[in-house]
Amino acid sequence: MATDDIINKYLGVETEDSKPESKPPAVVRKDDKDTDVDNDHDYSREAYYDLIQKGQEAIDGILAVAKEGEHPRAYEVALNGIKQVSDTVDKLQDLNKKLKDLKELPKTADTKIQNALFVGSTAELQKMLKKDENTKSKVINTKHRDISDK
């Protein structure tokens, strides 16, 4: 044990090393293929939440140092940290949008059929076409007589 640790122990001061770390609960991975997308989304979401939380804590510390030192570089570092956290928040929103799009995909699938392919023999195709031809109504052609000729 280091001397600082012994002194802190006698004084009853908690250091950052002695504080218990609180970690978010781990997402339980299931082997079901149907819920893979949901599991991945939940895991990614928890990771983004954790990154955002740690980034906010780091920004608070950096801002405290910047206020004490009043050095421009410290403020620049704090602003870069704020930008990183805001980018992570945007990524979290994109993740949710992508999940929503994935779940809506089967509902909005294109139902227009292009390049239909007949699978069968020539005889079956001819029977199908002949049957279709017999079911159509027959058109009676009549000759037009011009009344002006008579």
N, C-alpha and C. Protein backbone atom coordinates (compact mmCIF):
# COMPACT_ATOMS: atom_id res chain seq x y z
N MET A 1 0.84 -1.17 0.00
CA MET A 1 0.00 0.00 0.00
C MET A 1 0.89 1.24 0.00
N ALA A 2 0.53 2.21 -0.81
CA ALA A 2 1.31 3.44 -0.90
C ALA A 2 1.04 4.31 0.33
N THR A 3 1.94 5.24 0.58
CA THR A 3 1.82 6.13 1.74
C THR A 3 0.54 6.96 1.65
N ASP A 4 0.21 7.44 0.47
CA ASP A 4 -1.01 8.23 0.29
C ASP A 4 -2.25 7.42 0.64
N ASP A 5 -2.24 6.15 0.27
CA ASP A 5 -3.39 5.30 0.58
C ASP A 5 -3.55 5.11 2.08
N ILE A 6 -2.44 4.96 2.79
CA ILE A 6 -2.48 4.78 4.24
C ILE A 6 -3.03 6.03 4.92
N ILE A 7 -2.55 7.19 4.46
CA ILE A 7 -3.01 8.46 5.03
C ILE A 7 -4.50 8.66 4.75
N ASN A 8 -4.90 8.40 3.54
CA ASN A 8 -6.31 8.53 3.19
C ASN A 8 -7.18 7.59 4.00
N LYS A 9 -6.67 6.38 4.26
CA LYS A 9 -7.43 5.41 5.05
C LYS A 9 -7.64 5.92 6.47
N TYR A 10 -6.59 6.47 7.12
CA TYR A 10 -6.70 6.98 8.48
C TYR A 10 -7.58 8.22 8.56
N LEU A 11 -7.53 9.05 7.53
CA LEU A 11 -8.34 10.26 7.52
C LEU A 11 -9.78 10.00 7.10
N GLY A 12 -10.02 8.81 6.55
CA GLY A 12 -11.37 8.47 6.12
C GLY A 12 -11.75 9.11 4.79
N VAL A 13 -10.75 9.43 3.99
CA VAL A 13 -10.97 10.06 2.69
C VAL A 13 -11.01 8.97 1.62
N GLU A 14 -12.05 9.03 0.80
CA GLU A 14 -12.14 8.07 -0.30
C GLU A 14 -11.46 8.64 -1.53
N THR A 15 -10.62 7.87 -2.13
CA THR A 15 -10.00 8.28 -3.38
C THR A 15 -10.76 7.63 -4.52
N GLU A 16 -10.45 8.06 -5.72
CA GLU A 16 -11.16 7.49 -6.87
C GLU A 16 -10.84 6.02 -7.04
N ASP A 17 -9.64 5.60 -6.59
CA ASP A 17 -9.28 4.19 -6.72
C ASP A 17 -10.10 3.31 -5.77
N SER A 18 -10.46 3.86 -4.61
CA SER A 18 -11.18 3.06 -3.62
C SER A 18 -12.68 3.06 -3.84
N LYS A 19 -13.19 3.95 -4.71
CA LYS A 19 -14.64 3.99 -4.97
C LYS A 19 -15.03 2.77 -5.81
N PRO A 20 -16.12 2.12 -5.44
CA PRO A 20 -16.56 0.98 -6.25
C PRO A 20 -17.09 1.47 -7.59
N GLU A 21 -16.71 0.78 -8.64
CA GLU A 21 -17.18 1.16 -9.97
C GLU A 21 -18.59 0.62 -10.19
N SER A 22 -19.43 1.48 -10.72
CA SER A 22 -20.79 1.02 -11.04
C SER A 22 -20.87 0.86 -12.55
N LYS A 23 -21.10 -0.35 -12.96
CA LYS A 23 -21.23 -0.64 -14.38
C LYS A 23 -22.67 -0.99 -14.69
N PRO A 24 -23.13 -0.60 -15.88
CA PRO A 24 -24.49 -0.97 -16.23
C PRO A 24 -24.61 -2.48 -16.38
N PRO A 25 -25.78 -3.02 -16.16
CA PRO A 25 -25.93 -4.47 -16.28
C PRO A 25 -25.67 -4.91 -17.72
N ALA A 26 -24.97 -6.01 -17.83
CA ALA A 26 -24.64 -6.53 -19.15
C ALA A 26 -25.90 -7.08 -19.81
N VAL A 27 -25.98 -6.89 -21.11
CA VAL A 27 -27.12 -7.40 -21.87
C VAL A 27 -26.90 -8.89 -22.09
N VAL A 28 -27.87 -9.69 -21.74
CA VAL A 28 -27.77 -11.13 -21.89
C VAL A 28 -27.96 -11.50 -23.35
N ARG A 29 -27.02 -12.23 -23.90
CA ARG A 29 -27.09 -12.61 -25.32
C ARG A 29 -27.87 -13.91 -25.44
N LYS A 30 -28.88 -13.88 -26.30
CA LYS A 30 -29.69 -15.07 -26.55
C LYS A 30 -29.26 -15.66 -27.89
N ASP A 31 -29.47 -16.95 -28.04
CA ASP A 31 -29.06 -17.63 -29.27
C ASP A 31 -30.17 -17.69 -30.30
N ASP A 32 -31.29 -17.05 -30.05
CA ASP A 32 -32.42 -17.08 -30.97
C ASP A 32 -32.14 -16.16 -32.15
N LYS A 33 -32.23 -16.69 -33.36
CA LYS A 33 -31.94 -15.90 -34.57
C LYS A 33 -32.95 -14.79 -34.79
N ASP A 34 -34.19 -15.00 -34.37
CA ASP A 34 -35.23 -13.99 -34.58
C ASP A 34 -34.98 -12.73 -33.75
N THR A 35 -34.34 -12.89 -32.61
CA THR A 35 -34.13 -11.73 -31.74
C THR A 35 -32.72 -11.18 -31.84
N ASP A 36 -31.94 -11.64 -32.83
CA ASP A 36 -30.57 -11.15 -33.00
C ASP A 36 -30.53 -9.64 -33.19
N VAL A 37 -31.40 -9.12 -34.01
CA VAL A 37 -31.42 -7.68 -34.27
C VAL A 37 -31.74 -6.92 -33.00
N ASP A 38 -32.71 -7.41 -32.25
CA ASP A 38 -33.07 -6.75 -31.00
C ASP A 38 -31.94 -6.82 -29.98
N ASN A 39 -31.27 -7.98 -29.89
CA ASN A 39 -30.14 -8.12 -28.96
C ASN A 39 -29.01 -7.17 -29.34
N ASP A 40 -28.70 -7.12 -30.63
CA ASP A 40 -27.63 -6.23 -31.07
C ASP A 40 -27.99 -4.77 -30.81
N HIS A 41 -29.25 -4.43 -31.04
CA HIS A 41 -29.70 -3.06 -30.78
C HIS A 41 -29.58 -2.73 -29.30
N ASP A 42 -30.03 -3.64 -28.44
CA ASP A 42 -29.95 -3.39 -27.00
C ASP A 42 -28.50 -3.25 -26.53
N TYR A 43 -27.63 -4.11 -27.05
CA TYR A 43 -26.22 -4.04 -26.66
C TYR A 43 -25.59 -2.73 -27.12
N SER A 44 -25.85 -2.36 -28.36
CA SER A 44 -25.30 -1.11 -28.90
C SER A 44 -25.84 0.09 -28.13
N ARG A 45 -27.12 0.05 -27.82
CA ARG A 45 -27.75 1.14 -27.09
C ARG A 45 -27.12 1.32 -25.71
N GLU A 46 -26.91 0.21 -25.01
CA GLU A 46 -26.28 0.27 -23.69
C GLU A 46 -24.84 0.80 -23.80
N ALA A 47 -24.13 0.39 -24.86
CA ALA A 47 -22.75 0.87 -25.04
C ALA A 47 -22.75 2.38 -25.30
N TYR A 48 -23.68 2.85 -26.11
CA TYR A 48 -23.77 4.29 -26.37
C TYR A 48 -24.12 5.05 -25.09
N TYR A 49 -25.06 4.53 -24.32
CA TYR A 49 -25.41 5.19 -23.05
C TYR A 49 -24.18 5.28 -22.13
N ASP A 50 -23.42 4.20 -22.07
CA ASP A 50 -22.23 4.18 -21.22
C ASP A 50 -21.20 5.20 -21.71
N LEU A 51 -20.99 5.25 -23.03
CA LEU A 51 -20.05 6.21 -23.59
C LEU A 51 -20.48 7.65 -23.33
N ILE A 52 -21.76 7.91 -23.46
CA ILE A 52 -22.28 9.26 -23.23
C ILE A 52 -22.09 9.64 -21.77
N GLN A 53 -22.39 8.73 -20.85
CA GLN A 53 -22.23 9.00 -19.42
C GLN A 53 -20.78 9.30 -19.07
N LYS A 54 -19.86 8.47 -19.56
CA LYS A 54 -18.43 8.67 -19.29
C LYS A 54 -17.95 9.98 -19.92
N GLY A 55 -18.44 10.28 -21.10
CA GLY A 55 -18.06 11.53 -21.76
C GLY A 55 -18.53 12.75 -20.99
N GLN A 56 -19.73 12.68 -20.44
CA GLN A 56 -20.24 13.80 -19.65
C GLN A 56 -19.42 13.99 -18.37
N GLU A 57 -19.04 12.89 -17.73
CA GLU A 57 -18.20 12.98 -16.54
C GLU A 57 -16.84 13.58 -16.88
N ALA A 58 -16.27 13.15 -18.01
CA ALA A 58 -14.97 13.69 -18.43
C ALA A 58 -15.08 15.18 -18.74
N ILE A 59 -16.15 15.59 -19.37
CA ILE A 59 -16.35 17.01 -19.69
C ILE A 59 -16.44 17.83 -18.41
N ASP A 60 -17.15 17.31 -17.41
CA ASP A 60 -17.26 18.03 -16.14
C ASP A 60 -15.88 18.24 -15.53
N GLY A 61 -15.05 17.21 -15.54
CA GLY A 61 -13.70 17.32 -15.00
C GLY A 61 -12.84 18.28 -15.79
N ILE A 62 -12.92 18.19 -17.10
CA ILE A 62 -12.11 19.08 -17.96
C ILE A 62 -12.54 20.53 -17.78
N LEU A 63 -13.84 20.77 -17.65
CA LEU A 63 -14.32 22.14 -17.44
C LEU A 63 -13.84 22.70 -16.10
N ALA A 64 -13.79 21.85 -15.10
CA ALA A 64 -13.29 22.30 -13.79
C ALA A 64 -11.82 22.70 -13.90
N VAL A 65 -11.03 21.89 -14.62
CA VAL A 65 -9.62 22.21 -14.81
C VAL A 65 -9.48 23.49 -15.65
N ALA A 66 -10.32 23.64 -16.67
CA ALA A 66 -10.25 24.82 -17.53
C ALA A 66 -10.59 26.09 -16.75
N LYS A 67 -11.57 26.01 -15.86
CA LYS A 67 -11.95 27.19 -15.06
C LYS A 67 -10.84 27.58 -14.10
N GLU A 68 -10.17 26.58 -13.51
CA GLU A 68 -9.09 26.88 -12.57
C GLU A 68 -7.88 27.47 -13.27
N GLY A 69 -7.49 26.87 -14.40
CA GLY A 69 -6.28 27.32 -15.09
C GLY A 69 -6.52 28.46 -16.05
N GLU A 70 -7.74 28.62 -16.52
CA GLU A 70 -8.12 29.63 -17.51
C GLU A 70 -7.16 29.63 -18.70
N HIS A 71 -6.81 28.43 -19.14
CA HIS A 71 -5.93 28.30 -20.29
C HIS A 71 -6.78 27.97 -21.52
N PRO A 72 -6.52 28.63 -22.65
CA PRO A 72 -7.33 28.39 -23.86
C PRO A 72 -7.31 26.94 -24.33
N ARG A 73 -6.18 26.28 -24.18
CA ARG A 73 -6.08 24.88 -24.62
C ARG A 73 -7.01 23.99 -23.81
N ALA A 74 -7.17 24.25 -22.54
CA ALA A 74 -8.07 23.46 -21.70
C ALA A 74 -9.52 23.62 -22.17
N TYR A 75 -9.89 24.84 -22.54
CA TYR A 75 -11.24 25.05 -23.06
C TYR A 75 -11.43 24.37 -24.42
N GLU A 76 -10.37 24.36 -25.23
CA GLU A 76 -10.44 23.69 -26.52
C GLU A 76 -10.66 22.19 -26.34
N VAL A 77 -9.96 21.60 -25.38
CA VAL A 77 -10.12 20.18 -25.09
C VAL A 77 -11.54 19.90 -24.60
N ALA A 78 -12.08 20.78 -23.76
CA ALA A 78 -13.44 20.61 -23.25
C ALA A 78 -14.45 20.67 -24.39
N LEU A 79 -14.25 21.63 -25.31
CA LEU A 79 -15.17 21.74 -26.45
C LEU A 79 -15.09 20.52 -27.36
N ASN A 80 -13.89 19.98 -27.54
CA ASN A 80 -13.76 18.75 -28.34
C ASN A 80 -14.49 17.59 -27.67
N GLY A 81 -14.41 17.51 -26.34
CA GLY A 81 -15.13 16.47 -25.61
C GLY A 81 -16.63 16.63 -25.77
N ILE A 82 -17.11 17.87 -25.71
CA ILE A 82 -18.55 18.12 -25.90
C ILE A 82 -18.98 17.68 -27.30
N LYS A 83 -18.14 17.97 -28.30
CA LYS A 83 -18.47 17.57 -29.67
C LYS A 83 -18.52 16.04 -29.80
N GLN A 84 -17.57 15.37 -29.15
CA GLN A 84 -17.56 13.90 -29.20
C GLN A 84 -18.82 13.31 -28.58
N VAL A 85 -19.24 13.86 -27.45
CA VAL A 85 -20.45 13.36 -26.78
C VAL A 85 -21.68 13.63 -27.66
N SER A 86 -21.73 14.81 -28.27
CA SER A 86 -22.90 15.10 -29.13
C SER A 86 -22.91 14.20 -30.35
N ASP A 87 -21.75 13.85 -30.90
CA ASP A 87 -21.69 12.89 -32.01
C ASP A 87 -22.19 11.52 -31.58
N THR A 88 -21.86 11.12 -30.36
CA THR A 88 -22.32 9.83 -29.85
C THR A 88 -23.84 9.83 -29.67
N VAL A 89 -24.39 10.95 -29.23
CA VAL A 89 -25.84 11.07 -29.10
C VAL A 89 -26.50 10.95 -30.47
N ASP A 90 -25.89 11.57 -31.50
CA ASP A 90 -26.42 11.45 -32.86
C ASP A 90 -26.36 9.99 -33.34
N LYS A 91 -25.28 9.30 -33.00
CA LYS A 91 -25.16 7.89 -33.39
C LYS A 91 -26.24 7.05 -32.72
N LEU A 92 -26.55 7.39 -31.47
CA LEU A 92 -27.62 6.67 -30.76
C LEU A 92 -28.96 6.89 -31.46
N GLN A 93 -29.23 8.11 -31.89
CA GLN A 93 -30.48 8.38 -32.60
C GLN A 93 -30.51 7.66 -33.95
N ASP A 94 -29.36 7.63 -34.65
CA ASP A 94 -29.30 6.90 -35.92
C ASP A 94 -29.54 5.41 -35.71
N LEU A 95 -29.02 4.88 -34.61
CA LEU A 95 -29.23 3.46 -34.30
C LEU A 95 -30.71 3.16 -34.15
N ASN A 96 -31.43 4.02 -33.44
CA ASN A 96 -32.86 3.81 -33.25
C ASN A 96 -33.62 3.93 -34.57
N LYS A 97 -33.21 4.87 -35.43
CA LYS A 97 -33.85 5.04 -36.73
C LYS A 97 -33.62 3.81 -37.62
N LYS A 98 -32.40 3.29 -37.57
CA LYS A 98 -32.09 2.10 -38.37
C LYS A 98 -32.90 0.90 -37.91
N LEU A 99 -33.09 0.75 -36.61
CA LEU A 99 -33.90 -0.36 -36.11
C LEU A 99 -35.34 -0.21 -36.58
N LYS A 100 -35.86 1.01 -36.52
CA LYS A 100 -37.22 1.26 -36.97
C LYS A 100 -37.36 0.93 -38.45
N ASP A 101 -36.37 1.33 -39.27
CA ASP A 101 -36.39 1.03 -40.70
C ASP A 101 -36.32 -0.47 -40.96
N LEU A 102 -35.51 -1.18 -40.17
CA LEU A 102 -35.40 -2.63 -40.33
C LEU A 102 -36.72 -3.33 -40.03
N LYS A 103 -37.41 -2.86 -39.01
CA LYS A 103 -38.67 -3.50 -38.64
C LYS A 103 -39.79 -3.15 -39.61
N GLU A 104 -39.71 -2.01 -40.30
CA GLU A 104 -40.73 -1.62 -41.27
C GLU A 104 -40.47 -2.19 -42.65
N LEU A 105 -39.29 -2.69 -42.91
CA LEU A 105 -38.92 -3.18 -44.24
C LEU A 105 -39.87 -4.23 -44.80
N PRO A 106 -40.25 -5.28 -44.04
CA PRO A 106 -41.16 -6.26 -44.61
C PRO A 106 -42.53 -5.69 -44.98
N LYS A 107 -42.99 -4.66 -44.27
CA LYS A 107 -44.29 -4.09 -44.55
C LYS A 107 -44.28 -3.26 -45.83
N THR A 108 -43.14 -2.66 -46.14
CA THR A 108 -43.08 -1.76 -47.29
C THR A 108 -42.38 -2.40 -48.48
N ALA A 109 -42.25 -3.71 -48.49
CA ALA A 109 -41.57 -4.37 -49.59
C ALA A 109 -42.33 -4.16 -50.89
N ASP A 110 -41.60 -4.06 -51.98
CA ASP A 110 -42.19 -3.80 -53.29
C ASP A 110 -42.95 -5.04 -53.75
N THR A 111 -44.21 -4.86 -54.10
CA THR A 111 -45.03 -5.99 -54.53
C THR A 111 -45.15 -6.06 -56.04
N LYS A 112 -44.55 -5.15 -56.77
CA LYS A 112 -44.60 -5.17 -58.22
C LYS A 112 -43.71 -6.28 -58.74
N ILE A 113 -44.21 -7.08 -59.64
CA ILE A 113 -43.47 -8.22 -60.16
C ILE A 113 -42.87 -7.83 -61.51
N GLN A 114 -41.57 -8.01 -61.61
CA GLN A 114 -40.90 -7.76 -62.88
C GLN A 114 -40.15 -9.03 -63.26
N ASN A 115 -40.08 -9.27 -64.55
CA ASN A 115 -39.35 -10.42 -65.07
C ASN A 115 -39.87 -11.73 -64.48
N ALA A 116 -41.17 -11.95 -64.62
CA ALA A 116 -41.76 -13.20 -64.13
C ALA A 116 -41.23 -14.35 -64.98
N LEU A 117 -40.98 -15.47 -64.37
CA LEU A 117 -40.38 -16.60 -65.05
C LEU A 117 -41.32 -17.81 -64.92
N PHE A 118 -41.64 -18.43 -66.06
CA PHE A 118 -42.46 -19.62 -66.03
C PHE A 118 -41.55 -20.83 -65.90
N VAL A 119 -41.84 -21.66 -64.92
CA VAL A 119 -41.06 -22.87 -64.72
C VAL A 119 -41.97 -24.04 -65.04
N GLY A 120 -41.67 -24.72 -66.11
CA GLY A 120 -42.47 -25.86 -66.53
C GLY A 120 -42.07 -26.26 -67.94
N SER A 121 -42.77 -27.27 -68.44
CA SER A 121 -42.44 -27.76 -69.78
C SER A 121 -43.18 -26.93 -70.84
N THR A 122 -42.78 -27.12 -72.07
CA THR A 122 -43.41 -26.42 -73.18
C THR A 122 -44.87 -26.85 -73.32
N ALA A 123 -45.13 -28.13 -73.09
CA ALA A 123 -46.50 -28.63 -73.20
C ALA A 123 -47.41 -27.96 -72.17
N GLU A 124 -46.90 -27.80 -70.95
CA GLU A 124 -47.70 -27.12 -69.91
C GLU A 124 -47.96 -25.67 -70.27
N LEU A 125 -46.98 -25.02 -70.85
CA LEU A 125 -47.14 -23.62 -71.26
C LEU A 125 -48.18 -23.51 -72.37
N GLN A 126 -48.13 -24.43 -73.33
CA GLN A 126 -49.11 -24.40 -74.42
C GLN A 126 -50.51 -24.67 -73.90
N LYS A 127 -50.68 -25.61 -72.95
CA LYS A 127 -52.00 -25.87 -72.37
C LYS A 127 -52.52 -24.63 -71.66
N MET A 128 -51.64 -23.98 -70.93
CA MET A 128 -52.05 -22.78 -70.20
C MET A 128 -52.47 -21.68 -71.17
N LEU A 129 -51.73 -21.49 -72.24
CA LEU A 129 -52.07 -20.44 -73.21
C LEU A 129 -53.34 -20.79 -73.97
N LYS A 130 -53.52 -22.07 -74.31
CA LYS A 130 -54.71 -22.49 -75.03
C LYS A 130 -55.94 -22.34 -74.13
N LYS A 131 -55.82 -22.70 -72.87
CA LYS A 131 -56.92 -22.54 -71.92
C LYS A 131 -57.28 -21.07 -71.79
N ASP A 132 -56.28 -20.19 -71.73
CA ASP A 132 -56.51 -18.75 -71.62
C ASP A 132 -57.20 -18.24 -72.90
N GLU A 133 -56.82 -18.81 -74.04
CA GLU A 133 -57.40 -18.38 -75.33
C GLU A 133 -58.87 -18.80 -75.41
N ASN A 134 -59.21 -19.98 -74.91
CA ASN A 134 -60.59 -20.47 -74.96
C ASN A 134 -61.51 -19.70 -74.01
N THR A 135 -60.98 -19.16 -72.96
CA THR A 135 -61.83 -18.46 -72.00
C THR A 135 -62.13 -17.03 -72.41
N LYS A 136 -61.37 -16.49 -73.34
CA LYS A 136 -61.63 -15.12 -73.78
C LYS A 136 -62.92 -15.10 -74.61
N SER A 137 -63.63 -14.01 -74.52
CA SER A 137 -64.86 -13.89 -75.31
C SER A 137 -64.48 -13.71 -76.78
N LYS A 138 -65.26 -14.36 -77.62
CA LYS A 138 -64.96 -14.30 -79.05
C LYS A 138 -65.57 -13.04 -79.64
N VAL A 139 -64.82 -12.42 -80.52
CA VAL A 139 -65.27 -11.19 -81.17
C VAL A 139 -65.85 -11.55 -82.53
N ILE A 140 -67.01 -11.05 -82.83
CA ILE A 140 -67.65 -11.31 -84.11
C ILE A 140 -67.35 -10.13 -85.02
N ASN A 141 -66.72 -10.44 -86.14
CA ASN A 141 -66.40 -9.40 -87.11
C ASN A 141 -67.55 -9.27 -88.10
N THR A 142 -68.03 -8.11 -88.27
CA THR A 142 -69.08 -7.88 -89.27
C THR A 142 -68.55 -6.92 -90.32
N LYS A 143 -69.07 -7.10 -91.52
CA LYS A 143 -68.63 -6.22 -92.60
C LYS A 143 -69.46 -4.95 -92.53
N HIS A 144 -68.79 -3.85 -92.67
CA HIS A 144 -69.49 -2.57 -92.70
C HIS A 144 -69.95 -2.28 -94.11
N ARG A 145 -71.18 -1.94 -94.20
CA ARG A 145 -71.71 -1.55 -95.51
C ARG A 145 -71.87 -0.05 -95.51
N ASP A 146 -71.39 0.50 -96.53
CA ASP A 146 -71.52 1.95 -96.64
C ASP A 146 -72.83 2.24 -97.33
N ILE A 147 -73.70 2.96 -96.71
CA ILE A 147 -75.03 3.26 -97.23
C ILE A 147 -74.93 4.19 -98.44
N SER A 148 -73.93 4.95 -98.50
CA SER A 148 -73.80 5.90 -99.60
C SER A 148 -73.50 5.21 -100.92
N ASP A 149 -73.05 3.97 -100.91
CA ASP A 149 -72.76 3.24 -102.16
C ASP A 149 -74.05 2.88 -102.87
N LYS A 150 -75.15 2.73 -102.24
CA LYS A 150 -76.37 2.28 -102.87
C LYS A 150 -77.22 3.40 -103.30
